[in-house]
């Protein structure tokens, strides 16, 4: 299957939100099943990321998004806020290709994810991300942690991760 990574467009917002909602169903059957009920990223946030050039999609041959990543600059890094792949397109390395596209922009990447979910921290480690110790979190990441706690996320289950700037070479 041929895919294209391109900037997200306003017209993609409903599709992207549907991808995020469908991807959350992967948490069903885990201790984090409630995540499947969370609302996807709101349209205003997506519009802001699109306007800033901080949103990418992987689109199929019909130019329909099947995976996406959004984030924002955070100090000298780029903070990955959300990345999802439509469940029926999983296992095709679309997420890794999106991370590679972000890495190609020349900034270090930072994110927060679930520590023990196979498609979260263990997956990112395979892409070269390393855990950031809680006692080493800089103020900007401590602020994000506070945002997460305010939203009701259990930060004891999460880890911040960092990937130095540089290309991500996919096999």
N, C-alpha and C. Protein backbone atom coordinates (compact mmCIF):
# COMPACT_ATOMS: atom_id res chain seq x y z
N UNK A 1 0.83 -1.17 0.00
CA UNK A 1 0.00 0.00 0.00
C UNK A 1 0.88 1.24 0.00
N UNK A 2 0.53 2.20 -0.81
CA UNK A 2 1.27 3.43 -0.92
C UNK A 2 0.66 4.48 0.00
N UNK A 3 1.50 5.16 0.77
CA UNK A 3 1.04 6.25 1.62
C UNK A 3 1.91 7.46 1.39
N UNK A 4 1.36 8.60 1.74
CA UNK A 4 2.04 9.86 1.60
C UNK A 4 1.95 10.59 2.92
N UNK A 5 3.06 11.11 3.41
CA UNK A 5 3.03 11.96 4.59
C UNK A 5 2.95 13.40 4.10
N UNK A 6 1.95 14.09 4.62
CA UNK A 6 1.72 15.47 4.21
C UNK A 6 1.19 16.27 5.39
N UNK A 7 1.19 17.60 5.27
CA UNK A 7 0.60 18.41 6.33
C UNK A 7 -0.89 18.11 6.48
N UNK A 8 -1.34 18.12 7.70
CA UNK A 8 -2.77 17.96 7.96
C UNK A 8 -3.49 19.21 7.44
N UNK A 9 -4.71 19.00 6.96
CA UNK A 9 -5.54 20.10 6.46
C UNK A 9 -6.79 20.22 7.32
N UNK A 10 -7.39 21.40 7.29
CA UNK A 10 -8.65 21.62 8.02
C UNK A 10 -9.67 20.57 7.61
N UNK A 11 -9.73 20.23 6.34
CA UNK A 11 -10.69 19.24 5.85
C UNK A 11 -10.46 17.85 6.44
N UNK A 12 -9.29 17.61 7.03
CA UNK A 12 -8.96 16.31 7.61
C UNK A 12 -9.45 16.16 9.06
N UNK A 13 -9.89 17.22 9.68
CA UNK A 13 -10.14 17.21 11.12
C UNK A 13 -11.11 16.11 11.54
N UNK A 14 -12.24 15.98 10.89
CA UNK A 14 -13.21 14.94 11.30
C UNK A 14 -12.61 13.55 11.16
N UNK A 15 -11.88 13.31 10.09
CA UNK A 15 -11.25 12.00 9.88
C UNK A 15 -10.20 11.73 10.95
N UNK A 16 -9.40 12.73 11.27
CA UNK A 16 -8.35 12.58 12.28
C UNK A 16 -8.98 12.29 13.64
N UNK A 17 -10.05 12.99 13.98
CA UNK A 17 -10.72 12.74 15.25
C UNK A 17 -11.28 11.32 15.29
N UNK A 18 -11.78 10.83 14.17
CA UNK A 18 -12.29 9.45 14.10
C UNK A 18 -11.15 8.45 14.27
N UNK A 19 -9.99 8.74 13.68
CA UNK A 19 -8.82 7.86 13.85
C UNK A 19 -8.44 7.80 15.32
N UNK A 20 -8.39 8.95 15.98
CA UNK A 20 -8.01 8.98 17.39
C UNK A 20 -9.01 8.18 18.23
N UNK A 21 -10.30 8.36 17.95
CA UNK A 21 -11.33 7.64 18.70
C UNK A 21 -11.19 6.12 18.49
N UNK A 22 -11.00 5.71 17.24
CA UNK A 22 -10.86 4.28 16.93
C UNK A 22 -9.58 3.71 17.54
N UNK A 23 -8.50 4.47 17.49
CA UNK A 23 -7.24 4.00 18.03
C UNK A 23 -7.32 3.78 19.54
N UNK A 24 -8.10 4.60 20.21
CA UNK A 24 -8.25 4.47 21.67
C UNK A 24 -8.88 3.14 22.07
N UNK A 25 -9.57 2.48 21.15
CA UNK A 25 -10.18 1.19 21.49
C UNK A 25 -9.12 0.12 21.75
N UNK A 26 -7.88 0.38 21.38
CA UNK A 26 -6.80 -0.57 21.70
C UNK A 26 -6.63 -0.75 23.20
N UNK A 27 -7.07 0.24 23.97
CA UNK A 27 -6.94 0.16 25.42
C UNK A 27 -8.00 -0.73 26.06
N UNK A 28 -9.05 -1.09 25.31
CA UNK A 28 -10.05 -1.99 25.86
C UNK A 28 -9.37 -3.31 26.22
N UNK A 29 -9.71 -3.85 27.36
CA UNK A 29 -9.09 -5.09 27.82
C UNK A 29 -7.82 -4.87 28.61
N UNK A 30 -7.43 -3.60 28.81
CA UNK A 30 -6.28 -3.28 29.65
C UNK A 30 -6.80 -2.56 30.90
N UNK A 31 -5.90 -2.31 31.82
CA UNK A 31 -6.26 -1.56 33.02
C UNK A 31 -6.61 -0.11 32.69
N UNK A 32 -6.32 0.31 31.47
CA UNK A 32 -6.60 1.68 31.04
C UNK A 32 -7.78 1.76 30.07
N UNK A 33 -8.71 0.82 30.18
CA UNK A 33 -9.85 0.74 29.26
C UNK A 33 -10.65 2.03 29.20
N UNK A 34 -10.68 2.80 30.27
CA UNK A 34 -11.46 4.04 30.29
C UNK A 34 -10.99 5.03 29.22
N UNK A 35 -9.75 4.90 28.78
CA UNK A 35 -9.24 5.81 27.74
C UNK A 35 -10.07 5.69 26.47
N UNK A 36 -10.63 4.54 26.23
CA UNK A 36 -11.45 4.34 25.03
C UNK A 36 -12.68 5.25 25.03
N UNK A 37 -13.05 5.77 26.19
CA UNK A 37 -14.21 6.66 26.30
C UNK A 37 -13.82 8.13 26.21
N UNK A 38 -12.52 8.44 26.23
CA UNK A 38 -12.08 9.84 26.18
C UNK A 38 -12.47 10.47 24.85
N UNK A 39 -12.71 11.76 24.91
CA UNK A 39 -12.96 12.52 23.69
C UNK A 39 -11.64 12.70 22.94
N UNK A 40 -11.68 12.65 21.62
CA UNK A 40 -10.45 12.91 20.86
C UNK A 40 -10.07 14.39 20.95
N UNK A 41 -8.91 14.71 20.45
CA UNK A 41 -8.44 16.09 20.43
C UNK A 41 -9.50 16.98 19.80
N UNK A 42 -9.77 18.11 20.44
CA UNK A 42 -10.83 18.99 19.95
C UNK A 42 -10.41 19.68 18.65
N UNK A 43 -11.40 20.08 17.88
CA UNK A 43 -11.15 20.68 16.57
C UNK A 43 -10.35 21.97 16.67
N UNK A 44 -10.57 22.76 17.70
CA UNK A 44 -9.82 24.02 17.85
C UNK A 44 -8.32 23.76 18.02
N UNK A 45 -7.98 22.75 18.82
CA UNK A 45 -6.56 22.41 18.98
C UNK A 45 -5.97 21.93 17.66
N UNK A 46 -6.71 21.09 16.96
CA UNK A 46 -6.23 20.61 15.66
C UNK A 46 -6.05 21.78 14.68
N UNK A 47 -7.00 22.70 14.66
CA UNK A 47 -6.88 23.87 13.79
C UNK A 47 -5.62 24.67 14.13
N UNK A 48 -5.35 24.84 15.42
CA UNK A 48 -4.16 25.58 15.83
C UNK A 48 -2.89 24.86 15.38
N UNK A 49 -2.85 23.52 15.55
CA UNK A 49 -1.65 22.78 15.14
C UNK A 49 -1.48 22.84 13.62
N UNK A 50 -2.58 22.77 12.89
CA UNK A 50 -2.51 22.88 11.42
C UNK A 50 -1.97 24.25 11.04
N UNK A 51 -2.50 25.30 11.66
CA UNK A 51 -2.07 26.66 11.35
C UNK A 51 -0.60 26.90 11.63
N UNK A 52 -0.08 26.23 12.65
CA UNK A 52 1.33 26.38 13.01
C UNK A 52 2.24 25.44 12.21
N UNK A 53 1.66 24.56 11.41
CA UNK A 53 2.46 23.59 10.66
C UNK A 53 2.95 22.44 11.52
N UNK A 54 2.25 22.19 12.62
CA UNK A 54 2.67 21.17 13.59
C UNK A 54 1.77 19.94 13.59
N UNK A 55 1.22 19.61 12.42
CA UNK A 55 0.34 18.46 12.29
C UNK A 55 0.59 17.79 10.94
N UNK A 56 0.83 16.49 10.99
CA UNK A 56 1.07 15.70 9.78
C UNK A 56 0.10 14.53 9.73
N UNK A 57 -0.21 14.09 8.52
CA UNK A 57 -0.98 12.87 8.34
C UNK A 57 -0.24 11.94 7.40
N UNK A 58 -0.52 10.67 7.55
CA UNK A 58 -0.17 9.68 6.55
C UNK A 58 -1.47 9.40 5.82
N UNK A 59 -1.47 9.63 4.52
CA UNK A 59 -2.69 9.49 3.73
C UNK A 59 -2.55 8.32 2.75
N UNK A 60 -3.68 7.67 2.49
CA UNK A 60 -3.69 6.55 1.56
C UNK A 60 -3.72 7.06 0.12
N UNK A 61 -3.84 6.16 -0.83
CA UNK A 61 -3.80 6.52 -2.25
C UNK A 61 -4.93 7.47 -2.65
N UNK A 62 -6.03 7.45 -1.88
CA UNK A 62 -7.14 8.36 -2.15
C UNK A 62 -6.99 9.69 -1.39
N UNK A 63 -5.84 9.88 -0.76
CA UNK A 63 -5.51 11.07 0.02
C UNK A 63 -6.36 11.20 1.29
N UNK A 64 -6.82 10.08 1.81
CA UNK A 64 -7.57 10.05 3.06
C UNK A 64 -6.60 9.74 4.20
N UNK A 65 -6.61 10.55 5.26
CA UNK A 65 -5.71 10.26 6.38
C UNK A 65 -6.00 8.89 7.00
N UNK A 66 -4.91 8.18 7.30
CA UNK A 66 -5.03 6.88 7.98
C UNK A 66 -4.16 6.84 9.25
N UNK A 67 -3.40 7.91 9.46
CA UNK A 67 -2.59 8.07 10.66
C UNK A 67 -2.24 9.55 10.77
N UNK A 68 -1.92 9.98 11.99
CA UNK A 68 -1.57 11.38 12.16
C UNK A 68 -0.68 11.57 13.38
N UNK A 69 -0.03 12.72 13.41
CA UNK A 69 0.75 13.15 14.57
C UNK A 69 0.56 14.66 14.70
N UNK A 70 0.41 15.12 15.95
CA UNK A 70 0.37 16.55 16.22
C UNK A 70 1.31 16.85 17.38
N UNK A 71 1.74 18.07 17.46
CA UNK A 71 2.60 18.47 18.56
C UNK A 71 2.76 19.97 18.56
N UNK A 72 3.76 20.41 19.31
CA UNK A 72 4.03 21.84 19.40
C UNK A 72 5.48 22.03 19.84
N UNK A 73 6.05 23.18 19.46
CA UNK A 73 7.38 23.49 19.95
C UNK A 73 7.35 23.61 21.48
N UNK A 74 8.39 23.12 22.10
CA UNK A 74 8.52 23.20 23.56
C UNK A 74 9.99 23.48 23.85
N UNK A 75 10.29 24.74 24.09
CA UNK A 75 11.69 25.12 24.22
C UNK A 75 12.40 24.83 22.91
N UNK A 76 13.53 24.14 22.99
CA UNK A 76 14.27 23.77 21.79
C UNK A 76 13.78 22.48 21.14
N UNK A 77 12.88 21.78 21.82
CA UNK A 77 12.36 20.49 21.35
C UNK A 77 11.03 20.66 20.64
N UNK A 78 10.58 19.57 20.05
CA UNK A 78 9.22 19.47 19.54
C UNK A 78 8.52 18.45 20.42
N UNK A 79 7.41 18.84 21.03
CA UNK A 79 6.67 17.97 21.93
C UNK A 79 5.57 17.26 21.15
N UNK A 80 5.63 15.94 21.10
CA UNK A 80 4.64 15.12 20.41
C UNK A 80 3.44 14.95 21.35
N UNK A 81 2.33 15.56 20.97
CA UNK A 81 1.13 15.51 21.82
C UNK A 81 0.29 14.26 21.56
N UNK A 82 0.17 13.88 20.30
CA UNK A 82 -0.72 12.77 19.96
C UNK A 82 -0.25 12.15 18.66
N UNK A 83 -0.26 10.84 18.61
CA UNK A 83 0.02 10.12 17.38
C UNK A 83 -0.89 8.90 17.38
N UNK A 84 -1.59 8.70 16.29
CA UNK A 84 -2.51 7.56 16.19
C UNK A 84 -2.53 7.03 14.77
N UNK A 85 -2.77 5.74 14.69
CA UNK A 85 -2.91 5.04 13.41
C UNK A 85 -4.28 4.37 13.42
N UNK A 86 -5.00 4.48 12.33
CA UNK A 86 -6.29 3.78 12.23
C UNK A 86 -6.04 2.30 12.46
N UNK A 87 -6.84 1.66 13.32
CA UNK A 87 -6.57 0.26 13.67
C UNK A 87 -6.44 -0.68 12.47
N UNK A 88 -7.19 -0.45 11.42
CA UNK A 88 -7.10 -1.35 10.26
C UNK A 88 -5.85 -1.08 9.41
N UNK A 89 -5.02 -0.13 9.83
CA UNK A 89 -3.76 0.14 9.14
C UNK A 89 -2.56 -0.06 10.08
N UNK A 90 -2.80 -0.65 11.24
CA UNK A 90 -1.73 -0.88 12.20
C UNK A 90 -0.71 -1.89 11.68
N UNK A 91 0.48 -1.82 12.22
CA UNK A 91 1.53 -2.77 11.87
C UNK A 91 2.22 -2.49 10.56
N UNK A 92 1.96 -1.33 9.97
CA UNK A 92 2.58 -0.99 8.68
C UNK A 92 3.66 0.08 8.82
N UNK A 93 4.04 0.37 10.07
CA UNK A 93 5.09 1.33 10.40
C UNK A 93 4.72 2.76 10.04
N UNK A 94 3.42 3.06 9.98
CA UNK A 94 2.98 4.41 9.68
C UNK A 94 3.35 5.37 10.80
N UNK A 95 3.19 4.92 12.05
CA UNK A 95 3.57 5.75 13.18
C UNK A 95 5.05 6.06 13.16
N UNK A 96 5.87 5.05 12.89
CA UNK A 96 7.32 5.25 12.82
C UNK A 96 7.67 6.21 11.69
N UNK A 97 6.97 6.12 10.57
CA UNK A 97 7.23 7.04 9.46
C UNK A 97 6.87 8.47 9.84
N UNK A 98 5.81 8.65 10.61
CA UNK A 98 5.45 9.99 11.07
C UNK A 98 6.50 10.54 12.03
N UNK A 99 6.99 9.70 12.94
CA UNK A 99 8.05 10.13 13.85
C UNK A 99 9.31 10.48 13.04
N UNK A 100 9.61 9.68 12.03
CA UNK A 100 10.77 9.97 11.18
C UNK A 100 10.61 11.32 10.47
N UNK A 101 9.39 11.62 10.03
CA UNK A 101 9.14 12.92 9.38
C UNK A 101 9.36 14.07 10.35
N UNK A 102 8.94 13.88 11.61
CA UNK A 102 9.21 14.91 12.61
C UNK A 102 10.70 15.03 12.87
N UNK A 103 11.39 13.90 12.99
CA UNK A 103 12.83 13.91 13.25
C UNK A 103 13.58 14.60 12.12
N UNK A 104 13.08 14.49 10.90
CA UNK A 104 13.73 15.11 9.75
C UNK A 104 13.69 16.63 9.81
N UNK A 105 12.87 17.18 10.68
CA UNK A 105 12.81 18.63 10.84
C UNK A 105 13.99 19.18 11.65
N UNK A 106 14.78 18.27 12.23
CA UNK A 106 16.01 18.67 12.89
C UNK A 106 15.90 19.07 14.35
N UNK A 107 14.78 18.83 14.97
CA UNK A 107 14.62 19.15 16.39
C UNK A 107 14.60 17.86 17.20
N UNK A 108 15.04 17.96 18.44
CA UNK A 108 14.86 16.85 19.37
C UNK A 108 13.36 16.67 19.61
N UNK A 109 12.96 15.46 19.91
CA UNK A 109 11.54 15.16 20.15
C UNK A 109 11.35 14.74 21.60
N UNK A 110 10.27 15.19 22.18
CA UNK A 110 9.92 14.85 23.55
C UNK A 110 8.46 14.46 23.56
N UNK A 111 8.09 13.57 24.48
CA UNK A 111 6.70 13.16 24.61
C UNK A 111 6.47 12.55 25.98
N UNK A 112 5.21 12.32 26.27
CA UNK A 112 4.82 11.61 27.49
C UNK A 112 3.88 10.50 27.06
N UNK A 113 4.08 9.33 27.65
CA UNK A 113 3.29 8.17 27.24
C UNK A 113 3.16 7.19 28.39
N UNK A 114 2.36 6.16 28.18
CA UNK A 114 2.21 5.15 29.22
C UNK A 114 3.44 4.26 29.25
N UNK A 115 3.93 4.06 30.44
CA UNK A 115 5.19 3.36 30.69
C UNK A 115 5.17 1.90 30.24
N UNK A 116 4.07 1.18 30.51
CA UNK A 116 4.07 -0.27 30.35
C UNK A 116 3.14 -0.80 29.27
N UNK A 117 2.57 0.06 28.45
CA UNK A 117 1.72 -0.39 27.35
C UNK A 117 2.62 -0.64 26.14
N UNK A 118 2.52 -1.81 25.55
CA UNK A 118 3.47 -2.23 24.51
C UNK A 118 3.59 -1.24 23.35
N UNK A 119 2.49 -0.64 22.95
CA UNK A 119 2.54 0.27 21.82
C UNK A 119 2.79 1.71 22.28
N UNK A 120 3.19 1.89 23.50
CA UNK A 120 3.56 3.21 24.03
C UNK A 120 5.07 3.22 24.31
N UNK A 121 5.50 3.36 25.56
CA UNK A 121 6.92 3.55 25.86
C UNK A 121 7.83 2.48 25.23
N UNK A 122 7.50 1.19 25.30
CA UNK A 122 8.40 0.21 24.66
C UNK A 122 8.58 0.46 23.15
N UNK A 123 7.52 0.87 22.49
CA UNK A 123 7.58 1.15 21.05
C UNK A 123 8.49 2.36 20.79
N UNK A 124 8.31 3.42 21.58
CA UNK A 124 9.14 4.61 21.40
C UNK A 124 10.62 4.32 21.68
N UNK A 125 10.88 3.45 22.63
CA UNK A 125 12.28 3.09 22.90
C UNK A 125 12.92 2.47 21.66
N UNK A 126 12.16 1.68 20.92
CA UNK A 126 12.70 1.08 19.69
C UNK A 126 13.01 2.14 18.63
N UNK A 127 12.40 3.32 18.76
CA UNK A 127 12.65 4.41 17.82
C UNK A 127 13.73 5.37 18.33
N UNK A 128 14.39 5.01 19.43
CA UNK A 128 15.50 5.81 19.93
C UNK A 128 15.16 6.78 21.04
N UNK A 129 13.94 6.75 21.55
CA UNK A 129 13.58 7.60 22.68
C UNK A 129 14.14 6.99 23.96
N UNK A 130 14.53 7.85 24.88
CA UNK A 130 15.01 7.39 26.18
C UNK A 130 14.13 8.02 27.27
N UNK A 131 13.97 7.30 28.35
CA UNK A 131 13.17 7.79 29.47
C UNK A 131 13.87 8.98 30.13
N UNK A 132 13.06 9.94 30.55
CA UNK A 132 13.56 11.07 31.33
C UNK A 132 13.14 10.81 32.78
N UNK A 133 14.10 10.75 33.66
CA UNK A 133 13.79 10.51 35.08
C UNK A 133 12.91 11.63 35.61
N UNK A 134 11.99 11.29 36.48
CA UNK A 134 11.10 12.29 37.07
C UNK A 134 11.88 13.41 37.74
N UNK A 135 12.97 13.07 38.42
CA UNK A 135 13.73 14.11 39.12
C UNK A 135 14.57 14.96 38.17
N UNK A 136 14.56 14.63 36.87
CA UNK A 136 15.32 15.39 35.89
C UNK A 136 14.40 16.18 34.94
N UNK A 137 13.10 16.20 35.22
CA UNK A 137 12.18 16.91 34.33
C UNK A 137 12.43 18.42 34.41
N UNK A 138 12.66 19.04 33.26
CA UNK A 138 12.81 20.50 33.27
C UNK A 138 11.45 21.16 33.52
N UNK A 139 11.44 22.43 33.84
CA UNK A 139 10.18 23.11 34.18
C UNK A 139 9.08 22.97 33.12
N UNK A 140 9.43 23.04 31.83
CA UNK A 140 8.40 22.92 30.80
C UNK A 140 7.71 21.56 30.85
N UNK A 141 8.44 20.49 31.14
CA UNK A 141 7.83 19.17 31.24
C UNK A 141 7.06 19.01 32.54
N UNK A 142 7.54 19.65 33.60
CA UNK A 142 6.77 19.63 34.85
C UNK A 142 5.43 20.33 34.65
N UNK A 143 5.42 21.39 33.83
CA UNK A 143 4.17 22.08 33.52
C UNK A 143 3.21 21.16 32.76
N UNK A 144 3.74 20.38 31.82
CA UNK A 144 2.90 19.44 31.07
C UNK A 144 2.38 18.37 32.02
N UNK A 145 3.21 17.90 32.91
CA UNK A 145 2.75 16.91 33.90
C UNK A 145 1.59 17.49 34.70
N UNK A 146 1.69 18.72 35.12
CA UNK A 146 0.60 19.37 35.87
C UNK A 146 -0.67 19.45 35.03
N UNK A 147 -0.53 19.74 33.73
CA UNK A 147 -1.69 19.75 32.82
C UNK A 147 -2.33 18.36 32.78
N UNK A 148 -1.52 17.33 32.69
CA UNK A 148 -2.04 15.96 32.65
C UNK A 148 -2.80 15.63 33.93
N UNK A 149 -2.22 15.98 35.06
CA UNK A 149 -2.87 15.70 36.34
C UNK A 149 -4.20 16.44 36.42
N UNK A 150 -4.23 17.69 35.96
CA UNK A 150 -5.47 18.47 35.97
C UNK A 150 -6.54 17.82 35.09
N UNK A 151 -6.12 17.11 34.02
CA UNK A 151 -7.06 16.40 33.14
C UNK A 151 -7.45 15.04 33.70
N UNK A 152 -6.84 14.64 34.81
CA UNK A 152 -7.20 13.38 35.43
C UNK A 152 -6.32 12.20 35.04
N UNK A 153 -5.21 12.44 34.34
CA UNK A 153 -4.32 11.33 33.99
C UNK A 153 -3.52 10.90 35.22
N UNK A 154 -3.33 9.60 35.34
CA UNK A 154 -2.52 9.05 36.43
C UNK A 154 -1.06 9.07 36.00
N UNK A 155 -0.35 10.08 36.43
CA UNK A 155 1.04 10.25 35.99
C UNK A 155 1.98 9.20 36.56
N UNK A 156 1.55 8.42 37.54
CA UNK A 156 2.41 7.33 38.03
C UNK A 156 2.54 6.23 36.98
N UNK A 157 1.64 6.21 36.00
CA UNK A 157 1.67 5.21 34.94
C UNK A 157 2.39 5.70 33.69
N UNK A 158 2.84 6.94 33.72
CA UNK A 158 3.39 7.56 32.52
C UNK A 158 4.87 7.87 32.69
N UNK A 159 5.51 8.09 31.55
CA UNK A 159 6.92 8.45 31.53
C UNK A 159 7.13 9.50 30.43
N UNK A 160 7.98 10.47 30.72
CA UNK A 160 8.41 11.39 29.68
C UNK A 160 9.59 10.76 28.98
N UNK A 161 9.67 10.99 27.67
CA UNK A 161 10.73 10.41 26.86
C UNK A 161 11.30 11.48 25.94
N UNK A 162 12.56 11.28 25.57
CA UNK A 162 13.28 12.26 24.75
C UNK A 162 14.07 11.53 23.67
N UNK A 163 14.10 12.11 22.50
CA UNK A 163 14.91 11.60 21.40
C UNK A 163 15.74 12.75 20.87
N UNK A 164 17.07 12.62 20.91
CA UNK A 164 17.92 13.71 20.41
C UNK A 164 17.62 14.01 18.95
N UNK A 165 17.95 15.22 18.54
CA UNK A 165 17.79 15.60 17.14
C UNK A 165 18.61 14.68 16.26
N UNK A 166 18.11 14.43 15.10
CA UNK A 166 18.82 13.59 14.13
C UNK A 166 17.85 12.70 13.39
N UNK A 167 18.26 12.23 12.25
CA UNK A 167 17.35 11.41 11.43
C UNK A 167 17.02 10.09 12.10
N UNK A 168 15.85 9.63 11.80
CA UNK A 168 15.41 8.31 12.23
C UNK A 168 15.46 7.44 10.99
N UNK A 169 16.35 6.48 11.00
CA UNK A 169 16.51 5.61 9.84
C UNK A 169 15.63 4.37 10.00
N UNK A 170 14.62 4.31 9.15
CA UNK A 170 13.71 3.17 9.18
C UNK A 170 14.20 2.10 8.22
N UNK A 171 14.10 0.83 8.62
CA UNK A 171 14.50 -0.24 7.69
C UNK A 171 13.55 -0.35 6.53
